[in-house]
Amino acid sequence: MGLIVEFDAPGLTRVVVCCDASGQVWSTVAGAFVAFANADIADYALSIPESPASSGRYEVQAPTGTTRYLFCQQAGASFALADLQAWLRDVGIVEGVAEAERAAAAAAVRTNLTTELARIDAAVGSRAVAGDAMTLADAEDVYHADIAYVPDQANSRDEYAVTWMRNGVAIAATSPTIRVISWADGSDLVAEVAMTEIVSGTYKHTETASRIPQRQIALVVVTATIGGGLRTAKRLVRRGVT
């Protein structure tokens, strides 16, 4: 994970508890990630020096394998379970629980933490990952269209271009269409018509018969079938004086 940096009030005794992907905690005594045990709580506090002095900037190098961590304030000479429970209260995890029940609530959080982190890691690990990219499930895909409008006065025509994208990457579409609607009265300037493919994922339509009037606004509506579903995108465009 590299360098861990925190900004807080100057002069504090700050520590960090580091966990790996399986939910084990770093032990400064064992020099490795180990299963959490209440009796060894003091071993899990990695001291964070203030650097530079009196700056309120605290930094420490995270152990290799750290995937998540939490900052705590150490109240006494050594890190104690009460310090961890105080952090839980500060962030509202056990807020509103009677004082006598807070220790039990904190223990329940710790018991469930490893299971929950393992569940999340398993869910993430089941996805195909290439570099920094993760493959989404079909239901999570995001589709959109980049719609361009260029009035070509020299040739007395309006040019429309559409590039369909899935998760930010151009993708080929089936049955792409375009419709242009007058913003003034809602009538069709261009009734729904098929578009022509230029390159994979990018389509065009050239309109000479029913152009957008000068200084007028129109709504461009495009549709296409991608990924087994009908996709629709819209964009307002305006023709100037040309």
Protein backbone atom coordinates (compact mmCIF):
# COMPACT_ATOMS: atom_id res chain seq x y z
CA MET A 1 0.00 0.00 0.00
CA GLY A 2 3.01 2.29 0.57
CA LEU A 3 3.06 5.39 2.76
CA ILE A 4 0.12 6.10 5.09
CA VAL A 5 -0.35 9.81 5.87
CA GLU A 6 -2.81 11.43 8.30
CA PHE A 7 -3.38 15.08 9.23
CA ASP A 8 -4.65 15.85 12.74
CA ALA A 9 -3.94 18.08 15.72
CA PRO A 10 -0.22 18.38 16.63
CA GLY A 11 1.29 16.43 19.52
CA LEU A 12 -0.98 13.37 19.48
CA THR A 13 -0.04 9.76 20.07
CA ARG A 14 -1.45 8.30 16.86
CA VAL A 15 -1.30 4.65 15.84
CA VAL A 16 -2.64 2.70 12.88
CA VAL A 17 -4.03 -0.84 12.77
CA CYS A 18 -3.36 -2.50 9.39
CA CYS A 19 -5.30 -5.42 7.90
CA ASP A 20 -4.63 -7.62 4.89
CA ALA A 21 -7.11 -8.92 2.32
CA SER A 22 -8.14 -11.85 4.53
CA GLY A 23 -8.95 -9.63 7.52
CA GLN A 24 -5.89 -10.53 9.59
CA VAL A 25 -4.12 -7.74 11.46
CA TRP A 26 -0.46 -6.75 11.40
CA SER A 27 1.44 -7.72 14.55
CA THR A 28 4.49 -5.62 15.35
CA VAL A 29 5.75 -8.49 17.53
CA ALA A 30 5.26 -11.31 15.01
CA GLY A 31 6.23 -9.13 12.06
CA ALA A 32 3.38 -10.67 10.09
CA PHE A 33 -0.39 -10.59 9.67
CA VAL A 34 -2.10 -12.71 12.33
CA ALA A 35 -5.61 -13.58 13.52
CA PHE A 36 -7.08 -10.93 15.84
CA ALA A 37 -6.99 -11.71 19.57
CA ASN A 38 -8.06 -9.33 22.35
CA ALA A 39 -5.10 -10.32 24.52
CA ASP A 40 -2.64 -9.18 21.86
CA ILE A 41 -4.26 -5.81 21.13
CA ALA A 42 -1.10 -3.88 22.04
CA ASP A 43 0.83 -5.76 19.35
CA TYR A 44 -1.41 -4.39 16.58
CA ALA A 45 -0.63 -0.70 17.04
CA LEU A 46 1.83 0.62 14.48
CA SER A 47 3.18 3.92 15.76
CA ILE A 48 2.79 6.93 13.44
CA PRO A 49 5.53 9.52 14.01
CA GLU A 50 4.65 13.17 13.60
CA SER A 51 6.71 14.51 10.71
CA PRO A 52 7.85 17.21 10.86
CA ALA A 53 7.48 17.78 14.60
CA SER A 54 4.45 19.83 15.77
CA SER A 55 3.04 19.85 12.22
CA GLY A 56 -0.01 17.66 12.74
CA ARG A 57 1.22 15.47 9.88
CA TYR A 58 1.68 11.81 10.78
CA GLU A 59 3.20 9.23 8.43
CA VAL A 60 4.28 5.60 8.48
CA GLN A 61 5.17 2.96 5.89
CA ALA A 62 2.40 0.36 5.63
CA PRO A 63 3.48 -3.30 5.89
CA THR A 64 3.52 -5.12 2.57
CA GLY A 65 0.14 -6.75 2.02
CA THR A 66 -1.90 -4.02 3.74
CA THR A 67 -5.26 -3.51 2.01
CA ARG A 68 -7.10 -1.48 4.66
CA TYR A 69 -6.28 0.34 7.90
CA LEU A 70 -7.76 2.50 10.65
CA PHE A 71 -6.28 5.35 12.69
CA CYS A 72 -6.65 5.38 16.48
CA GLN A 73 -5.63 7.66 19.33
CA GLN A 74 -3.58 5.87 22.00
CA ALA A 75 -4.61 7.13 25.41
CA GLY A 76 -2.11 5.32 27.64
CA ALA A 77 1.42 3.99 27.57
CA SER A 78 0.39 1.18 25.22
CA PHE A 79 -2.46 0.55 22.80
CA ALA A 80 -5.51 -0.97 24.53
CA LEU A 81 -8.87 -2.42 23.58
CA ALA A 82 -10.49 0.75 24.96
CA ASP A 83 -8.64 2.79 22.32
CA LEU A 84 -10.19 0.70 19.56
CA GLN A 85 -13.62 0.94 21.21
CA ALA A 86 -13.24 4.72 21.47
CA TRP A 87 -12.56 4.84 17.72
CA LEU A 88 -15.72 2.80 17.10
CA ARG A 89 -17.75 5.28 19.17
CA ASP A 90 -16.16 8.28 17.40
CA VAL A 91 -17.20 7.06 13.95
CA GLY A 92 -20.69 6.20 15.14
CA ILE A 93 -20.50 2.42 14.70
CA VAL A 94 -21.91 1.82 18.17
CA GLU A 95 -23.44 5.28 18.75
CA GLY A 96 -26.55 5.17 20.91
CA VAL A 97 -25.70 1.87 22.61
CA ALA A 98 -25.81 1.99 26.40
CA GLU A 99 -22.35 2.38 27.93
CA ALA A 100 -22.49 -1.07 29.55
CA GLU A 101 -23.25 -2.65 26.17
CA ARG A 102 -20.63 -0.89 24.12
CA ALA A 103 -17.85 -3.38 24.79
CA ALA A 104 -20.10 -6.21 23.61
CA ALA A 105 -21.14 -4.24 20.53
CA ALA A 106 -17.50 -3.54 19.66
CA ALA A 107 -16.66 -7.21 20.05
CA ALA A 108 -19.52 -8.10 17.70
CA VAL A 109 -18.17 -5.64 15.13
CA ARG A 110 -14.74 -7.27 15.30
CA THR A 111 -16.25 -10.74 15.02
CA ASN A 112 -18.20 -9.80 11.89
CA LEU A 113 -15.43 -7.72 10.34
CA THR A 114 -13.32 -10.63 9.09
CA THR A 115 -16.35 -12.40 7.59
CA GLU A 116 -17.61 -9.28 5.85
CA LEU A 117 -14.20 -8.33 4.45
CA ALA A 118 -13.72 -11.87 3.16
CA ARG A 119 -17.13 -11.69 1.47
CA ILE A 120 -16.25 -8.42 -0.24
CA ASP A 121 -12.84 -9.70 -1.31
CA ALA A 122 -14.45 -12.85 -2.73
CA ALA A 123 -16.96 -10.78 -4.69
CA VAL A 124 -14.23 -8.56 -6.11
CA GLY A 125 -11.95 -11.51 -6.74
CA SER A 126 -14.60 -13.24 -8.84
CA ARG A 127 -14.39 -10.46 -11.44
CA ALA A 128 -11.96 -10.61 -14.35
CA VAL A 129 -9.35 -7.87 -13.91
CA ALA A 130 -6.92 -6.63 -16.55
CA GLY A 131 -4.50 -4.00 -15.28
CA ASP A 132 -6.64 -1.37 -13.57
CA ALA A 133 -9.84 -2.43 -15.37
CA MET A 134 -12.49 -4.69 -13.87
CA THR A 135 -15.02 -6.59 -15.95
CA LEU A 136 -18.55 -5.65 -14.87
CA ALA A 137 -21.56 -7.93 -14.86
CA ASP A 138 -23.99 -7.27 -17.73
CA ALA A 139 -26.46 -5.59 -15.38
CA GLU A 140 -23.73 -3.13 -14.27
CA ASP A 141 -22.69 -2.00 -17.76
CA VAL A 142 -23.12 1.71 -18.51
CA TYR A 143 -24.16 2.71 -22.03
CA HIS A 144 -24.09 6.18 -23.54
CA ALA A 145 -23.77 7.86 -26.92
CA ASP A 146 -21.50 10.71 -28.00
CA ILE A 147 -23.75 12.77 -30.33
CA ALA A 148 -22.20 15.36 -32.63
CA TYR A 149 -24.00 17.89 -34.87
CA VAL A 150 -22.24 19.90 -37.59
CA PRO A 151 -24.19 22.31 -39.85
CA ASP A 152 -22.46 22.29 -43.26
CA GLN A 153 -23.71 25.50 -44.84
CA ALA A 154 -21.29 25.29 -47.78
CA ASN A 155 -22.98 22.09 -48.90
CA SER A 156 -26.47 22.92 -47.59
CA ARG A 157 -26.70 19.98 -45.25
CA ASP A 158 -26.67 18.98 -41.58
CA GLU A 159 -24.23 16.27 -40.51
CA TYR A 160 -24.92 14.06 -37.50
CA ALA A 161 -22.46 11.56 -36.01
CA VAL A 162 -23.02 9.14 -33.13
CA THR A 163 -20.53 6.92 -31.31
CA TRP A 164 -22.09 4.33 -29.02
CA MET A 165 -20.10 3.35 -25.93
CA ARG A 166 -20.26 0.73 -23.24
CA ASN A 167 -18.33 1.56 -20.07
CA GLY A 168 -16.51 4.32 -21.98
CA VAL A 169 -15.38 2.11 -24.88
CA ALA A 170 -16.82 2.39 -28.39
CA ILE A 171 -18.96 -0.62 -29.30
CA ALA A 172 -20.73 -1.80 -32.44
CA ALA A 173 -24.51 -1.34 -32.42
CA THR A 174 -27.38 -3.03 -34.22
CA SER A 175 -30.09 -1.03 -36.03
CA PRO A 176 -28.86 2.47 -35.04
CA THR A 177 -31.39 5.21 -35.76
CA ILE A 178 -31.67 8.97 -35.39
CA ARG A 179 -34.62 11.33 -34.96
CA VAL A 180 -34.45 15.14 -34.82
CA ILE A 181 -37.25 17.01 -33.06
CA SER A 182 -37.97 20.73 -33.23
CA TRP A 183 -37.57 22.28 -29.80
CA ALA A 184 -40.04 25.02 -30.74
CA ASP A 185 -43.12 22.87 -31.39
CA GLY A 186 -42.12 19.22 -30.89
CA SER A 187 -42.59 18.29 -34.54
CA ASP A 188 -40.21 15.97 -36.39
CA LEU A 189 -37.55 17.73 -38.41
CA VAL A 190 -36.14 14.32 -39.23
CA ALA A 191 -38.41 11.34 -38.68
CA GLU A 192 -36.68 8.26 -37.26
CA VAL A 193 -34.24 6.99 -39.88
CA ALA A 194 -31.43 4.42 -39.99
CA MET A 195 -27.86 5.66 -39.64
CA THR A 196 -24.86 4.60 -41.75
CA GLU A 197 -21.82 2.96 -40.13
CA ILE A 198 -18.53 4.82 -40.63
CA VAL A 199 -16.33 2.64 -38.43
CA SER A 200 -17.31 0.10 -35.80
CA GLY A 201 -19.36 1.91 -33.17
CA THR A 202 -19.62 5.22 -35.08
CA TYR A 203 -22.55 6.08 -37.35
CA LYS A 204 -23.60 9.09 -39.41
CA HIS A 205 -26.63 10.69 -41.00
CA THR A 206 -26.55 13.46 -43.60
CA GLU A 207 -29.71 15.59 -43.82
CA THR A 208 -30.38 17.90 -46.75
CA ALA A 209 -34.18 18.00 -46.94
CA SER A 210 -35.11 19.08 -43.43
CA ARG A 211 -32.33 21.03 -41.75
CA ILE A 212 -32.49 22.69 -38.36
CA PRO A 213 -33.51 26.36 -38.98
CA GLN A 214 -30.94 29.03 -38.25
CA ARG A 215 -30.77 30.12 -34.60
CA GLN A 216 -33.04 27.25 -33.63
CA ILE A 217 -32.67 24.41 -31.11
CA ALA A 218 -33.48 20.78 -31.77
CA LEU A 219 -33.48 17.57 -29.75
CA VAL A 220 -31.49 14.70 -31.27
CA VAL A 221 -32.71 11.25 -30.20
CA VAL A 222 -30.67 8.17 -31.13
CA THR A 223 -31.42 4.51 -30.50
CA ALA A 224 -29.58 1.24 -31.05
CA THR A 225 -29.64 -2.34 -29.85
CA ILE A 226 -26.54 -3.17 -27.81
CA GLY A 227 -25.92 -5.97 -25.35
CA GLY A 228 -29.33 -7.47 -25.95
CA GLY A 229 -31.24 -4.29 -25.07
CA LEU A 230 -32.57 -1.19 -26.80
CA ARG A 231 -30.48 1.86 -25.81
CA THR A 232 -31.61 5.47 -26.17
CA ALA A 233 -29.63 8.70 -25.86
CA LYS A 234 -30.57 12.36 -26.36
CA ARG A 235 -28.83 15.68 -26.86
CA LEU A 236 -29.91 19.28 -27.42
CA VAL A 237 -28.16 20.95 -30.35
CA ARG A 238 -28.37 24.46 -31.84
CA ARG A 239 -27.72 25.77 -35.28
CA GLY A 240 -26.17 29.21 -35.49
CA VAL A 241 -26.38 31.69 -38.33
CA THR A 242 -24.71 29.35 -40.82
